[in-house]
Amino acid sequence: MASPKKLPRENAFYFFISIGNYTGESASSLEEFCGKNKRGQH
């Protein structure tokens, strides 16, 4: 299996609670995005 593609920081996904309210979390790969997105669900 190929290694997951990591995006450069400027192309990463940044998590926001609302417009202008950045959580401080970002994801630079699909695997990282899924992990962080799953943790945010309650």
N, C-alpha and C. Protein backbone atom coordinates (compact mmCIF):
# COMPACT_ATOMS: atom_id res chain seq x y z
N MET A 1 0.85 -1.18 0.00
CA MET A 1 0.00 0.00 0.00
C MET A 1 0.90 1.24 0.00
N ALA A 2 0.50 2.27 -0.74
CA ALA A 2 1.27 3.51 -0.80
C ALA A 2 1.10 4.29 0.49
N SER A 3 2.11 5.10 0.82
CA SER A 3 1.99 5.92 2.02
C SER A 3 0.99 7.04 1.79
N PRO A 4 0.30 7.46 2.86
CA PRO A 4 -0.69 8.53 2.71
C PRO A 4 -0.02 9.83 2.27
N LYS A 5 -0.69 10.54 1.41
CA LYS A 5 -0.16 11.82 0.92
C LYS A 5 -0.34 12.89 1.99
N LYS A 6 0.74 13.61 2.27
CA LYS A 6 0.68 14.73 3.21
C LYS A 6 0.72 16.01 2.40
N LEU A 7 -0.16 16.92 2.72
CA LEU A 7 -0.22 18.21 2.03
C LEU A 7 0.71 19.20 2.71
N PRO A 8 1.19 20.19 1.95
CA PRO A 8 1.95 21.26 2.59
C PRO A 8 1.03 22.05 3.54
N ARG A 9 1.62 22.67 4.52
CA ARG A 9 0.85 23.40 5.54
C ARG A 9 -0.16 24.38 4.96
N GLU A 10 0.21 25.06 3.87
CA GLU A 10 -0.71 26.06 3.29
C GLU A 10 -1.92 25.42 2.62
N ASN A 11 -1.88 24.10 2.39
CA ASN A 11 -3.02 23.40 1.77
C ASN A 11 -3.74 22.49 2.76
N ALA A 12 -3.34 22.52 4.01
CA ALA A 12 -3.96 21.66 5.02
C ALA A 12 -5.39 22.11 5.31
N PHE A 13 -6.17 21.24 5.96
CA PHE A 13 -7.51 21.59 6.40
C PHE A 13 -7.40 22.14 7.81
N TYR A 14 -7.98 23.31 8.04
CA TYR A 14 -7.96 23.94 9.36
C TYR A 14 -9.35 23.88 9.97
N PHE A 15 -9.42 23.42 11.22
CA PHE A 15 -10.70 23.26 11.90
C PHE A 15 -11.11 24.57 12.59
N PHE A 16 -12.35 24.96 12.35
CA PHE A 16 -12.92 26.17 12.94
C PHE A 16 -14.22 25.81 13.65
N ILE A 17 -14.51 26.48 14.76
CA ILE A 17 -15.79 26.32 15.45
C ILE A 17 -16.83 27.16 14.74
N SER A 18 -16.44 28.37 14.34
CA SER A 18 -17.29 29.27 13.57
C SER A 18 -16.36 30.17 12.76
N ILE A 19 -16.92 31.00 11.93
CA ILE A 19 -16.10 31.88 11.09
C ILE A 19 -15.18 32.72 11.97
N GLY A 20 -13.88 32.62 11.72
CA GLY A 20 -12.89 33.38 12.47
C GLY A 20 -12.51 32.79 13.82
N ASN A 21 -13.09 31.66 14.20
CA ASN A 21 -12.82 31.05 15.50
C ASN A 21 -12.08 29.73 15.30
N TYR A 22 -10.78 29.82 15.05
CA TYR A 22 -9.91 28.67 14.77
C TYR A 22 -9.68 27.86 16.03
N THR A 23 -9.75 26.53 15.91
CA THR A 23 -9.58 25.65 17.08
C THR A 23 -8.11 25.40 17.42
N GLY A 24 -7.21 25.71 16.50
CA GLY A 24 -5.80 25.42 16.71
C GLY A 24 -5.40 24.07 16.14
N GLU A 25 -6.36 23.34 15.55
CA GLU A 25 -6.12 22.02 14.97
C GLU A 25 -6.12 22.11 13.45
N SER A 26 -5.24 21.33 12.83
CA SER A 26 -5.22 21.22 11.37
C SER A 26 -4.90 19.78 11.00
N ALA A 27 -5.17 19.44 9.75
CA ALA A 27 -4.88 18.09 9.24
C ALA A 27 -4.25 18.22 7.87
N SER A 28 -3.15 17.51 7.66
CA SER A 28 -2.46 17.60 6.37
C SER A 28 -2.52 16.30 5.58
N SER A 29 -3.34 15.34 6.05
CA SER A 29 -3.56 14.10 5.29
C SER A 29 -4.98 13.63 5.57
N LEU A 30 -5.49 12.78 4.70
CA LEU A 30 -6.85 12.26 4.88
C LEU A 30 -6.94 11.45 6.17
N GLU A 31 -5.91 10.66 6.47
CA GLU A 31 -5.89 9.86 7.69
C GLU A 31 -5.95 10.77 8.94
N GLU A 32 -5.17 11.83 8.94
CA GLU A 32 -5.16 12.77 10.06
C GLU A 32 -6.51 13.47 10.19
N PHE A 33 -7.10 13.87 9.05
CA PHE A 33 -8.40 14.53 9.05
C PHE A 33 -9.46 13.62 9.66
N CYS A 34 -9.50 12.36 9.21
CA CYS A 34 -10.51 11.42 9.73
C CYS A 34 -10.35 11.20 11.24
N GLY A 35 -9.11 11.07 11.69
CA GLY A 35 -8.87 10.88 13.12
C GLY A 35 -9.31 12.07 13.96
N LYS A 36 -8.98 13.25 13.51
CA LYS A 36 -9.34 14.45 14.27
C LYS A 36 -10.84 14.73 14.17
N ASN A 37 -11.42 14.46 13.02
CA ASN A 37 -12.85 14.68 12.84
C ASN A 37 -13.65 13.73 13.72
N LYS A 38 -13.20 12.48 13.82
CA LYS A 38 -13.90 11.48 14.64
C LYS A 38 -13.84 11.86 16.12
N ARG A 39 -12.70 12.38 16.57
CA ARG A 39 -12.56 12.79 17.99
C ARG A 39 -13.51 13.92 18.33
N GLY A 40 -13.84 14.77 17.35
CA GLY A 40 -14.70 15.92 17.60
C GLY A 40 -16.17 15.56 17.72
N GLN A 41 -16.56 14.35 17.34
CA GLN A 41 -17.96 13.94 17.41
C GLN A 41 -18.28 13.43 18.81
N HIS A 42 -19.46 13.77 19.30
CA HIS A 42 -19.90 13.29 20.63
C HIS A 42 -21.20 12.57 20.51
